[in-house]
N, C-alpha and C. Protein backbone atom coordinates (compact mmCIF):
# COMPACT_ATOMS: atom_id res chain seq x y z
N MET A 1 -28.92 2.10 19.37
CA MET A 1 -29.51 1.62 18.13
C MET A 1 -30.08 0.22 18.32
N ARG A 2 -31.26 -0.02 17.75
CA ARG A 2 -31.83 -1.35 17.81
C ARG A 2 -31.12 -2.26 16.82
N PRO A 3 -30.98 -3.56 17.14
CA PRO A 3 -30.35 -4.46 16.18
C PRO A 3 -31.20 -4.56 14.91
N LEU A 4 -30.52 -4.81 13.80
CA LEU A 4 -31.23 -4.93 12.53
C LEU A 4 -32.15 -6.13 12.54
N ASP A 5 -33.28 -6.00 11.86
CA ASP A 5 -34.19 -7.12 11.67
C ASP A 5 -33.42 -8.25 10.96
N PRO A 6 -33.58 -9.50 11.42
CA PRO A 6 -32.86 -10.61 10.76
C PRO A 6 -33.11 -10.69 9.26
N ARG A 7 -34.31 -10.32 8.82
CA ARG A 7 -34.58 -10.35 7.38
C ARG A 7 -33.75 -9.30 6.64
N THR A 8 -33.56 -8.16 7.30
CA THR A 8 -32.72 -7.12 6.69
C THR A 8 -31.27 -7.58 6.61
N VAL A 9 -30.81 -8.25 7.67
CA VAL A 9 -29.44 -8.77 7.68
C VAL A 9 -29.26 -9.79 6.56
N ARG A 10 -30.24 -10.69 6.39
CA ARG A 10 -30.14 -11.69 5.32
C ARG A 10 -30.13 -11.03 3.95
N SER A 11 -30.99 -10.03 3.76
CA SER A 11 -31.04 -9.33 2.48
C SER A 11 -29.71 -8.63 2.21
N ARG A 12 -29.16 -7.97 3.23
CA ARG A 12 -27.88 -7.27 3.07
C ARG A 12 -26.77 -8.25 2.70
N ASP A 13 -26.71 -9.36 3.43
CA ASP A 13 -25.64 -10.34 3.18
C ASP A 13 -25.77 -10.97 1.80
N THR A 14 -27.00 -11.27 1.40
CA THR A 14 -27.22 -11.84 0.07
C THR A 14 -26.83 -10.85 -1.01
N ALA A 15 -27.22 -9.60 -0.82
CA ALA A 15 -26.91 -8.56 -1.81
C ALA A 15 -25.40 -8.33 -1.90
N LEU A 16 -24.72 -8.30 -0.76
CA LEU A 16 -23.28 -8.07 -0.78
C LEU A 16 -22.52 -9.24 -1.41
N ALA A 17 -23.00 -10.45 -1.18
CA ALA A 17 -22.36 -11.60 -1.82
C ALA A 17 -22.48 -11.48 -3.34
N ALA A 18 -23.67 -11.08 -3.81
CA ALA A 18 -23.87 -10.89 -5.25
C ALA A 18 -23.03 -9.73 -5.77
N ALA A 19 -22.96 -8.66 -5.00
CA ALA A 19 -22.18 -7.48 -5.42
C ALA A 19 -20.69 -7.84 -5.52
N ARG A 20 -20.21 -8.64 -4.60
CA ARG A 20 -18.79 -9.04 -4.65
C ARG A 20 -18.53 -9.90 -5.89
N GLU A 21 -19.45 -10.77 -6.23
CA GLU A 21 -19.31 -11.57 -7.46
C GLU A 21 -19.23 -10.65 -8.68
N LEU A 22 -20.10 -9.65 -8.72
CA LEU A 22 -20.10 -8.72 -9.85
C LEU A 22 -18.80 -7.93 -9.90
N LEU A 23 -18.29 -7.53 -8.74
CA LEU A 23 -17.03 -6.80 -8.69
C LEU A 23 -15.90 -7.65 -9.29
N ILE A 24 -15.84 -8.92 -8.90
CA ILE A 24 -14.79 -9.80 -9.38
C ILE A 24 -14.94 -10.06 -10.87
N GLU A 25 -16.18 -10.23 -11.33
CA GLU A 25 -16.42 -10.57 -12.73
C GLU A 25 -16.31 -9.37 -13.67
N GLN A 26 -16.84 -8.23 -13.23
CA GLN A 26 -17.02 -7.10 -14.15
C GLN A 26 -16.32 -5.82 -13.72
N GLY A 27 -15.74 -5.82 -12.52
CA GLY A 27 -15.13 -4.59 -12.05
C GLY A 27 -16.16 -3.64 -11.51
N LEU A 28 -15.71 -2.45 -11.16
CA LEU A 28 -16.58 -1.48 -10.52
C LEU A 28 -17.71 -1.01 -11.43
N ALA A 29 -17.47 -1.04 -12.74
CA ALA A 29 -18.51 -0.59 -13.68
C ALA A 29 -19.76 -1.46 -13.61
N GLY A 30 -19.59 -2.73 -13.25
CA GLY A 30 -20.73 -3.63 -13.17
C GLY A 30 -21.46 -3.60 -11.85
N LEU A 31 -20.97 -2.78 -10.94
CA LEU A 31 -21.51 -2.75 -9.58
C LEU A 31 -22.58 -1.66 -9.48
N THR A 32 -23.78 -1.96 -9.92
CA THR A 32 -24.89 -1.03 -9.86
C THR A 32 -26.03 -1.66 -9.05
N HIS A 33 -26.95 -0.81 -8.59
CA HIS A 33 -28.10 -1.32 -7.86
C HIS A 33 -28.90 -2.29 -8.73
N GLY A 34 -29.05 -1.94 -10.00
CA GLY A 34 -29.83 -2.80 -10.90
C GLY A 34 -29.18 -4.15 -11.10
N ALA A 35 -27.86 -4.15 -11.29
CA ALA A 35 -27.15 -5.41 -11.51
C ALA A 35 -27.18 -6.28 -10.26
N VAL A 36 -27.02 -5.66 -9.10
CA VAL A 36 -27.05 -6.41 -7.84
C VAL A 36 -28.46 -6.97 -7.61
N ALA A 37 -29.48 -6.20 -7.92
CA ALA A 37 -30.86 -6.69 -7.78
C ALA A 37 -31.09 -7.91 -8.66
N ALA A 38 -30.63 -7.83 -9.92
CA ALA A 38 -30.82 -8.94 -10.84
C ALA A 38 -30.07 -10.18 -10.39
N ARG A 39 -28.85 -10.00 -9.88
CA ARG A 39 -28.03 -11.14 -9.47
C ARG A 39 -28.53 -11.76 -8.17
N SER A 40 -28.96 -10.93 -7.23
CA SER A 40 -29.27 -11.41 -5.88
C SER A 40 -30.74 -11.78 -5.68
N GLY A 41 -31.62 -11.21 -6.51
CA GLY A 41 -33.05 -11.41 -6.28
C GLY A 41 -33.63 -10.48 -5.24
N ILE A 42 -32.81 -9.57 -4.71
CA ILE A 42 -33.27 -8.56 -3.75
C ILE A 42 -33.78 -7.35 -4.55
N SER A 43 -34.91 -6.82 -4.14
CA SER A 43 -35.51 -5.73 -4.90
C SER A 43 -34.64 -4.48 -4.88
N ARG A 44 -34.77 -3.68 -5.94
CA ARG A 44 -34.04 -2.40 -5.96
C ARG A 44 -34.44 -1.53 -4.80
N ALA A 45 -35.74 -1.54 -4.44
CA ALA A 45 -36.21 -0.70 -3.33
C ALA A 45 -35.47 -1.05 -2.04
N THR A 46 -35.29 -2.35 -1.81
CA THR A 46 -34.56 -2.78 -0.61
C THR A 46 -33.11 -2.34 -0.68
N LEU A 47 -32.50 -2.49 -1.86
CA LEU A 47 -31.10 -2.10 -2.02
C LEU A 47 -30.92 -0.61 -1.77
N TYR A 48 -31.84 0.19 -2.28
CA TYR A 48 -31.72 1.64 -2.07
C TYR A 48 -31.96 2.02 -0.61
N ARG A 49 -32.75 1.22 0.10
CA ARG A 49 -32.91 1.48 1.53
C ARG A 49 -31.61 1.18 2.27
N LEU A 50 -30.92 0.13 1.85
CA LEU A 50 -29.67 -0.25 2.50
C LEU A 50 -28.53 0.68 2.12
N TRP A 51 -28.44 1.03 0.83
CA TRP A 51 -27.36 1.87 0.31
C TRP A 51 -27.97 2.88 -0.65
N ALA A 52 -28.27 4.06 -0.13
CA ALA A 52 -29.01 5.04 -0.93
C ALA A 52 -28.22 5.56 -2.12
N GLU A 53 -26.89 5.62 -1.98
CA GLU A 53 -26.04 6.18 -3.03
C GLU A 53 -25.11 5.12 -3.59
N PRO A 54 -24.73 5.24 -4.87
CA PRO A 54 -23.78 4.28 -5.45
C PRO A 54 -22.50 4.15 -4.64
N ALA A 55 -21.99 5.26 -4.12
CA ALA A 55 -20.75 5.21 -3.34
C ALA A 55 -20.89 4.33 -2.10
N GLU A 56 -22.10 4.32 -1.51
CA GLU A 56 -22.32 3.50 -0.31
C GLU A 56 -22.29 2.02 -0.67
N LEU A 57 -22.87 1.66 -1.81
CA LEU A 57 -22.84 0.27 -2.26
C LEU A 57 -21.43 -0.16 -2.59
N VAL A 58 -20.69 0.70 -3.27
CA VAL A 58 -19.29 0.41 -3.60
C VAL A 58 -18.47 0.23 -2.34
N ARG A 59 -18.65 1.14 -1.40
CA ARG A 59 -17.89 1.06 -0.14
C ARG A 59 -18.17 -0.24 0.59
N ALA A 60 -19.45 -0.62 0.70
CA ALA A 60 -19.81 -1.84 1.42
C ALA A 60 -19.24 -3.08 0.73
N THR A 61 -19.27 -3.08 -0.60
CA THR A 61 -18.77 -4.24 -1.35
C THR A 61 -17.27 -4.36 -1.22
N LEU A 62 -16.55 -3.25 -1.40
CA LEU A 62 -15.09 -3.30 -1.30
C LEU A 62 -14.64 -3.59 0.13
N THR A 63 -15.39 -3.10 1.12
CA THR A 63 -15.07 -3.41 2.51
C THR A 63 -15.16 -4.91 2.75
N LEU A 64 -16.22 -5.53 2.25
CA LEU A 64 -16.36 -6.98 2.37
C LEU A 64 -15.21 -7.69 1.68
N HIS A 65 -14.87 -7.25 0.48
CA HIS A 65 -13.80 -7.86 -0.30
C HIS A 65 -12.46 -7.76 0.45
N ILE A 66 -12.19 -6.60 1.02
CA ILE A 66 -10.96 -6.38 1.77
C ILE A 66 -10.94 -7.23 3.04
N THR A 67 -12.06 -7.24 3.76
CA THR A 67 -12.14 -7.97 5.03
C THR A 67 -11.87 -9.46 4.82
N ARG A 68 -12.40 -10.00 3.73
CA ARG A 68 -12.19 -11.44 3.46
C ARG A 68 -10.75 -11.76 3.13
N ALA A 69 -10.01 -10.76 2.67
CA ALA A 69 -8.61 -10.99 2.31
C ALA A 69 -7.68 -10.82 3.51
N GLN A 70 -8.17 -10.18 4.58
CA GLN A 70 -7.30 -9.88 5.71
C GLN A 70 -7.02 -11.12 6.55
N SER A 71 -5.88 -11.09 7.23
CA SER A 71 -5.43 -12.23 8.02
C SER A 71 -5.79 -12.04 9.49
N ARG A 72 -5.54 -13.10 10.25
CA ARG A 72 -5.71 -13.03 11.70
C ARG A 72 -4.32 -13.03 12.33
N PRO A 73 -3.92 -11.95 12.99
CA PRO A 73 -2.56 -11.87 13.55
C PRO A 73 -2.26 -13.00 14.52
N THR A 74 -1.00 -13.44 14.49
CA THR A 74 -0.56 -14.55 15.34
C THR A 74 0.34 -14.09 16.48
N GLY A 75 0.85 -12.84 16.38
CA GLY A 75 1.82 -12.37 17.37
C GLY A 75 3.24 -12.43 16.86
N ASP A 76 3.45 -13.05 15.69
CA ASP A 76 4.76 -13.07 15.04
C ASP A 76 4.82 -11.86 14.12
N LEU A 77 5.57 -10.84 14.52
CA LEU A 77 5.52 -9.55 13.83
C LEU A 77 5.82 -9.67 12.34
N ARG A 78 6.93 -10.30 12.00
CA ARG A 78 7.30 -10.39 10.58
C ARG A 78 6.27 -11.18 9.79
N ALA A 79 5.87 -12.34 10.32
CA ALA A 79 4.91 -13.18 9.61
C ALA A 79 3.57 -12.46 9.45
N ASP A 80 3.14 -11.73 10.47
CA ASP A 80 1.86 -11.03 10.40
C ASP A 80 1.90 -9.90 9.38
N LEU A 81 2.99 -9.14 9.35
CA LEU A 81 3.12 -8.07 8.36
C LEU A 81 3.17 -8.66 6.95
N LEU A 82 3.89 -9.75 6.78
CA LEU A 82 3.96 -10.38 5.46
C LEU A 82 2.59 -10.86 5.01
N ALA A 83 1.82 -11.43 5.92
CA ALA A 83 0.48 -11.92 5.56
C ALA A 83 -0.41 -10.77 5.09
N GLU A 84 -0.39 -9.66 5.80
CA GLU A 84 -1.24 -8.53 5.42
C GLU A 84 -0.79 -7.88 4.11
N LEU A 85 0.51 -7.66 3.97
CA LEU A 85 0.99 -7.02 2.74
C LEU A 85 0.86 -7.96 1.55
N SER A 86 0.96 -9.26 1.78
CA SER A 86 0.76 -10.21 0.69
C SER A 86 -0.69 -10.20 0.22
N ALA A 87 -1.63 -10.01 1.14
CA ALA A 87 -3.03 -9.90 0.75
C ALA A 87 -3.25 -8.66 -0.11
N SER A 88 -2.60 -7.55 0.24
CA SER A 88 -2.71 -6.34 -0.57
C SER A 88 -2.04 -6.54 -1.93
N HIS A 89 -0.92 -7.25 -1.95
CA HIS A 89 -0.25 -7.58 -3.22
C HIS A 89 -1.23 -8.31 -4.13
N ALA A 90 -1.95 -9.30 -3.58
CA ALA A 90 -2.89 -10.07 -4.39
C ALA A 90 -4.01 -9.18 -4.92
N MET A 91 -4.54 -8.29 -4.08
CA MET A 91 -5.62 -7.41 -4.53
C MET A 91 -5.15 -6.43 -5.59
N LEU A 92 -3.92 -5.95 -5.46
CA LEU A 92 -3.38 -5.02 -6.45
C LEU A 92 -3.16 -5.68 -7.80
N HIS A 93 -3.02 -7.00 -7.82
CA HIS A 93 -2.80 -7.71 -9.07
C HIS A 93 -4.05 -8.46 -9.55
N GLU A 94 -5.15 -8.34 -8.81
CA GLU A 94 -6.42 -8.91 -9.22
C GLU A 94 -7.14 -7.85 -10.05
N PRO A 95 -7.45 -8.13 -11.31
CA PRO A 95 -7.99 -7.08 -12.19
C PRO A 95 -9.18 -6.31 -11.62
N ALA A 96 -10.15 -7.01 -11.03
CA ALA A 96 -11.35 -6.33 -10.55
C ALA A 96 -11.05 -5.38 -9.40
N SER A 97 -10.29 -5.85 -8.41
CA SER A 97 -10.02 -4.99 -7.26
C SER A 97 -9.06 -3.87 -7.63
N GLU A 98 -8.09 -4.16 -8.50
CA GLU A 98 -7.17 -3.10 -8.94
C GLU A 98 -7.95 -2.00 -9.65
N GLN A 99 -8.83 -2.41 -10.56
CA GLN A 99 -9.62 -1.42 -11.29
C GLN A 99 -10.54 -0.66 -10.34
N GLY A 100 -11.08 -1.37 -9.35
CA GLY A 100 -11.92 -0.71 -8.36
C GLY A 100 -11.18 0.37 -7.60
N MET A 101 -9.93 0.08 -7.23
CA MET A 101 -9.11 1.08 -6.53
C MET A 101 -8.85 2.28 -7.42
N ARG A 102 -8.53 2.02 -8.68
CA ARG A 102 -8.25 3.13 -9.60
C ARG A 102 -9.47 4.03 -9.76
N VAL A 103 -10.64 3.41 -9.96
CA VAL A 103 -11.86 4.20 -10.14
C VAL A 103 -12.21 4.95 -8.86
N MET A 104 -12.03 4.30 -7.71
CA MET A 104 -12.33 4.95 -6.44
C MET A 104 -11.46 6.20 -6.26
N ILE A 105 -10.18 6.09 -6.57
CA ILE A 105 -9.27 7.23 -6.43
C ILE A 105 -9.67 8.35 -7.38
N GLU A 106 -10.00 7.97 -8.61
CA GLU A 106 -10.39 8.97 -9.62
C GLU A 106 -11.68 9.67 -9.22
N ARG A 107 -12.69 8.89 -8.81
CA ARG A 107 -13.98 9.49 -8.43
C ARG A 107 -13.87 10.32 -7.17
N ALA A 108 -12.99 9.91 -6.25
CA ALA A 108 -12.84 10.63 -4.98
C ALA A 108 -12.36 12.05 -5.19
N ALA A 109 -11.65 12.28 -6.29
CA ALA A 109 -11.12 13.62 -6.56
C ALA A 109 -12.22 14.62 -6.92
N VAL A 110 -13.38 14.12 -7.35
CA VAL A 110 -14.44 15.02 -7.81
C VAL A 110 -15.78 14.79 -7.12
N ASP A 111 -15.89 13.73 -6.34
CA ASP A 111 -17.17 13.38 -5.72
C ASP A 111 -16.96 13.19 -4.21
N PRO A 112 -17.53 14.08 -3.38
CA PRO A 112 -17.32 13.97 -1.93
C PRO A 112 -17.76 12.63 -1.35
N ALA A 113 -18.81 12.04 -1.90
CA ALA A 113 -19.28 10.75 -1.38
C ALA A 113 -18.23 9.68 -1.61
N PHE A 114 -17.58 9.69 -2.77
CA PHE A 114 -16.53 8.73 -3.05
C PHE A 114 -15.26 9.06 -2.26
N ALA A 115 -15.02 10.33 -2.00
CA ALA A 115 -13.88 10.72 -1.17
C ALA A 115 -14.04 10.16 0.24
N GLU A 116 -15.25 10.25 0.77
CA GLU A 116 -15.52 9.71 2.10
C GLU A 116 -15.38 8.19 2.10
N ALA A 117 -15.90 7.56 1.03
CA ALA A 117 -15.78 6.10 0.92
C ALA A 117 -14.33 5.67 0.82
N LYS A 118 -13.53 6.41 0.06
CA LYS A 118 -12.11 6.07 -0.08
C LYS A 118 -11.38 6.13 1.26
N GLU A 119 -11.66 7.15 2.04
CA GLU A 119 -11.03 7.28 3.36
C GLU A 119 -11.45 6.11 4.26
N ALA A 120 -12.73 5.75 4.21
CA ALA A 120 -13.20 4.63 5.03
C ALA A 120 -12.54 3.33 4.59
N LEU A 121 -12.37 3.14 3.29
CA LEU A 121 -11.73 1.93 2.78
C LEU A 121 -10.26 1.88 3.16
N TYR A 122 -9.61 3.04 3.15
CA TYR A 122 -8.21 3.10 3.58
C TYR A 122 -8.09 2.65 5.03
N ARG A 123 -8.97 3.15 5.88
CA ARG A 123 -8.93 2.77 7.29
C ARG A 123 -9.24 1.29 7.47
N SER A 124 -10.24 0.80 6.73
CA SER A 124 -10.61 -0.61 6.82
C SER A 124 -9.48 -1.49 6.31
N GLY A 125 -8.87 -1.08 5.21
CA GLY A 125 -7.83 -1.88 4.60
C GLY A 125 -6.55 -1.97 5.41
N THR A 126 -6.29 -0.97 6.23
CA THR A 126 -5.07 -0.97 7.04
C THR A 126 -5.34 -1.28 8.52
N ARG A 127 -6.58 -1.63 8.84
CA ARG A 127 -6.96 -1.84 10.24
C ARG A 127 -6.12 -2.95 10.89
N VAL A 128 -5.97 -4.07 10.22
CA VAL A 128 -5.24 -5.18 10.82
C VAL A 128 -3.76 -4.84 10.97
N THR A 129 -3.19 -4.19 9.96
CA THR A 129 -1.78 -3.79 10.05
C THR A 129 -1.56 -2.83 11.20
N ARG A 130 -2.47 -1.89 11.39
CA ARG A 130 -2.36 -0.97 12.52
C ARG A 130 -2.40 -1.73 13.85
N ALA A 131 -3.27 -2.73 13.93
CA ALA A 131 -3.36 -3.54 15.15
C ALA A 131 -2.07 -4.32 15.37
N ILE A 132 -1.49 -4.85 14.29
CA ILE A 132 -0.23 -5.59 14.39
C ILE A 132 0.88 -4.68 14.91
N LEU A 133 0.98 -3.49 14.35
CA LEU A 133 2.03 -2.55 14.76
C LEU A 133 1.82 -2.09 16.20
N THR A 134 0.58 -1.79 16.56
CA THR A 134 0.28 -1.34 17.92
C THR A 134 0.61 -2.42 18.94
N ALA A 135 0.27 -3.67 18.60
CA ALA A 135 0.58 -4.78 19.52
C ALA A 135 2.08 -4.98 19.65
N ALA A 136 2.81 -4.80 18.54
CA ALA A 136 4.27 -4.95 18.59
C ALA A 136 4.91 -3.86 19.45
N VAL A 137 4.36 -2.66 19.40
CA VAL A 137 4.83 -1.59 20.29
C VAL A 137 4.58 -1.98 21.74
N ALA A 138 3.38 -2.50 22.03
CA ALA A 138 3.05 -2.89 23.40
C ALA A 138 3.96 -4.01 23.90
N ARG A 139 4.39 -4.90 23.00
CA ARG A 139 5.29 -6.00 23.39
C ARG A 139 6.73 -5.54 23.49
N GLY A 140 7.03 -4.32 23.05
CA GLY A 140 8.40 -3.83 23.07
C GLY A 140 9.21 -4.22 21.86
N GLU A 141 8.57 -4.79 20.83
CA GLU A 141 9.29 -5.17 19.61
C GLU A 141 9.53 -3.97 18.70
N LEU A 142 8.66 -2.99 18.79
CA LEU A 142 8.82 -1.75 18.04
C LEU A 142 8.88 -0.61 19.05
N PRO A 143 9.56 0.49 18.72
CA PRO A 143 9.73 1.57 19.69
C PRO A 143 8.42 2.24 20.08
N ALA A 144 8.34 2.68 21.32
CA ALA A 144 7.13 3.35 21.80
C ALA A 144 6.86 4.63 21.02
N SER A 145 7.90 5.20 20.42
CA SER A 145 7.75 6.45 19.66
C SER A 145 7.26 6.23 18.23
N LEU A 146 7.02 4.98 17.85
CA LEU A 146 6.63 4.69 16.47
C LEU A 146 5.36 5.45 16.08
N ASP A 147 5.41 6.15 14.95
CA ASP A 147 4.23 6.80 14.37
C ASP A 147 3.57 5.76 13.47
N VAL A 148 2.43 5.23 13.91
CA VAL A 148 1.79 4.14 13.19
C VAL A 148 1.33 4.59 11.80
N ASP A 149 0.83 5.82 11.68
CA ASP A 149 0.43 6.33 10.37
C ASP A 149 1.60 6.34 9.39
N SER A 150 2.74 6.82 9.85
CA SER A 150 3.93 6.85 8.99
C SER A 150 4.41 5.45 8.67
N ALA A 151 4.30 4.55 9.63
CA ALA A 151 4.71 3.17 9.40
C ALA A 151 3.83 2.52 8.33
N VAL A 152 2.53 2.76 8.39
CA VAL A 152 1.62 2.23 7.38
C VAL A 152 1.98 2.80 6.01
N ASP A 153 2.26 4.10 5.96
CA ASP A 153 2.66 4.72 4.68
C ASP A 153 3.92 4.07 4.13
N ARG A 154 4.87 3.81 5.00
CA ARG A 154 6.15 3.26 4.54
C ARG A 154 5.96 1.83 4.02
N LEU A 155 5.07 1.07 4.66
CA LEU A 155 4.86 -0.31 4.25
C LEU A 155 4.02 -0.42 2.97
N TYR A 156 2.94 0.35 2.91
CA TYR A 156 2.02 0.22 1.78
C TYR A 156 2.33 1.15 0.61
N GLY A 157 2.91 2.31 0.91
CA GLY A 157 3.12 3.32 -0.12
C GLY A 157 3.85 2.82 -1.35
N PRO A 158 5.00 2.13 -1.18
CA PRO A 158 5.72 1.67 -2.37
C PRO A 158 4.92 0.71 -3.24
N MET A 159 4.11 -0.15 -2.62
CA MET A 159 3.31 -1.10 -3.41
C MET A 159 2.26 -0.38 -4.24
N PHE A 160 1.55 0.56 -3.60
CA PHE A 160 0.49 1.25 -4.31
C PHE A 160 1.06 2.18 -5.38
N PHE A 161 2.19 2.81 -5.11
CA PHE A 161 2.81 3.66 -6.12
C PHE A 161 3.25 2.81 -7.31
N ARG A 162 3.90 1.71 -7.03
CA ARG A 162 4.44 0.87 -8.11
C ARG A 162 3.32 0.34 -9.00
N ARG A 163 2.20 -0.08 -8.38
CA ARG A 163 1.12 -0.71 -9.17
C ARG A 163 0.17 0.32 -9.77
N LEU A 164 -0.27 1.29 -8.98
CA LEU A 164 -1.33 2.19 -9.44
C LEU A 164 -0.81 3.44 -10.14
N VAL A 165 0.43 3.83 -9.88
CA VAL A 165 0.99 5.03 -10.51
C VAL A 165 1.97 4.63 -11.61
N ALA A 166 2.92 3.76 -11.27
CA ALA A 166 3.92 3.35 -12.25
C ALA A 166 3.42 2.25 -13.17
N HIS A 167 2.28 1.63 -12.82
CA HIS A 167 1.69 0.55 -13.64
C HIS A 167 2.66 -0.61 -13.84
N ARG A 168 3.36 -0.96 -12.76
CA ARG A 168 4.31 -2.06 -12.82
C ARG A 168 3.88 -3.17 -11.86
N THR A 169 4.12 -4.40 -12.25
CA THR A 169 3.84 -5.52 -11.36
C THR A 169 5.03 -5.74 -10.43
N PHE A 170 4.80 -6.52 -9.40
CA PHE A 170 5.88 -6.89 -8.48
C PHE A 170 5.52 -8.21 -7.82
N ASP A 171 6.52 -8.93 -7.37
CA ASP A 171 6.28 -10.25 -6.79
C ASP A 171 6.35 -10.19 -5.27
N LEU A 172 6.19 -11.37 -4.65
CA LEU A 172 6.20 -11.41 -3.18
C LEU A 172 7.59 -11.16 -2.61
N GLY A 173 8.63 -11.33 -3.43
CA GLY A 173 9.96 -10.96 -2.97
C GLY A 173 10.05 -9.48 -2.67
N TYR A 174 9.39 -8.68 -3.48
CA TYR A 174 9.35 -7.23 -3.26
C TYR A 174 8.66 -6.93 -1.93
N VAL A 175 7.58 -7.66 -1.64
CA VAL A 175 6.85 -7.48 -0.38
C VAL A 175 7.74 -7.86 0.80
N ARG A 176 8.44 -8.97 0.69
CA ARG A 176 9.34 -9.38 1.78
C ARG A 176 10.43 -8.34 2.02
N ASP A 177 10.95 -7.77 0.93
CA ASP A 177 11.99 -6.73 1.10
C ASP A 177 11.43 -5.52 1.83
N LEU A 178 10.20 -5.13 1.52
CA LEU A 178 9.58 -3.99 2.20
C LEU A 178 9.48 -4.25 3.70
N VAL A 179 8.99 -5.43 4.04
CA VAL A 179 8.83 -5.77 5.46
C VAL A 179 10.19 -5.84 6.16
N ASP A 180 11.14 -6.49 5.53
CA ASP A 180 12.46 -6.64 6.16
C ASP A 180 13.19 -5.31 6.30
N ASP A 181 13.07 -4.44 5.30
CA ASP A 181 13.68 -3.10 5.40
C ASP A 181 13.05 -2.32 6.55
N PHE A 182 11.73 -2.42 6.68
CA PHE A 182 11.03 -1.73 7.76
C PHE A 182 11.50 -2.25 9.11
N LEU A 183 11.58 -3.57 9.25
CA LEU A 183 11.98 -4.15 10.54
C LEU A 183 13.43 -3.84 10.88
N ARG A 184 14.30 -3.82 9.89
CA ARG A 184 15.70 -3.45 10.15
C ARG A 184 15.80 -2.03 10.70
N SER A 185 14.91 -1.16 10.20
CA SER A 185 14.95 0.24 10.64
C SER A 185 14.29 0.48 11.99
N HIS A 186 13.30 -0.35 12.33
CA HIS A 186 12.46 -0.02 13.48
C HIS A 186 12.44 -1.05 14.60
N ARG A 187 12.78 -2.28 14.30
CA ARG A 187 12.62 -3.31 15.33
C ARG A 187 13.59 -3.08 16.48
N VAL A 188 13.10 -3.24 17.69
CA VAL A 188 13.92 -3.11 18.89
C VAL A 188 14.52 -4.47 19.19
N GLU A 189 15.82 -4.55 19.16
CA GLU A 189 16.49 -5.83 19.43
C GLU A 189 16.56 -6.07 20.93
N SER A 190 16.06 -7.24 21.34
CA SER A 190 16.15 -7.59 22.76
C SER A 190 17.55 -8.09 23.07
N PRO A 191 17.98 -8.01 24.35
CA PRO A 191 19.31 -8.54 24.70
C PRO A 191 19.45 -10.00 24.32
N HIS A 192 18.35 -10.77 24.42
CA HIS A 192 18.41 -12.19 24.09
C HIS A 192 18.73 -12.37 22.61
N ARG A 193 18.03 -11.61 21.74
CA ARG A 193 18.28 -11.73 20.31
C ARG A 193 19.68 -11.27 19.97
N GLU A 194 20.14 -10.18 20.63
CA GLU A 194 21.48 -9.68 20.32
C GLU A 194 22.53 -10.69 20.71
N GLY A 195 22.28 -11.37 21.85
CA GLY A 195 23.25 -12.36 22.32
C GLY A 195 23.35 -13.55 21.40
N ASN A 196 22.26 -13.84 20.65
CA ASN A 196 22.25 -14.99 19.76
C ASN A 196 22.63 -14.61 18.34
N SER A 197 22.89 -13.33 18.08
CA SER A 197 23.17 -12.92 16.72
C SER A 197 24.64 -13.10 16.39
């Protein structure tokens, strides 16, 4: 594939910045090609060339929003997991992103384009956590037999159920408990750590 024309890259970045503002201010309902065109100054024709379907625009905007919230792993397993899950905690309690998740889940049940976007967002949203877990396995901190998909479910599942299904808030203490419970169950204790315990 040829690299994108720099003008196209600038138009895309400008449009996505405007789309993210609209998402934060108005939620997913305000995220339309027309609204993004008005906010960004980028023509509708250009926007439709970049994202032909509403689901594509939503996916690109939420991906940007998620990416900006993600952390850079340091190699400290507990601290890295806490950083990532704390970012998800913040998004689940931010009205615009919470509402966006709810609408995405609802639309995905009836619209294949949104179903595909939801799966892509799930992968994007858990990408850093998967990398953290995989690196910890390579370092011997987590068992080689660890099922990363199941580990992600165990870490994120309770938060999403509590907020999006049970409609209950939770604090960062809840997040710390999730991480610590996971590590108690899965972390491989080195002889050095055992000797100092």
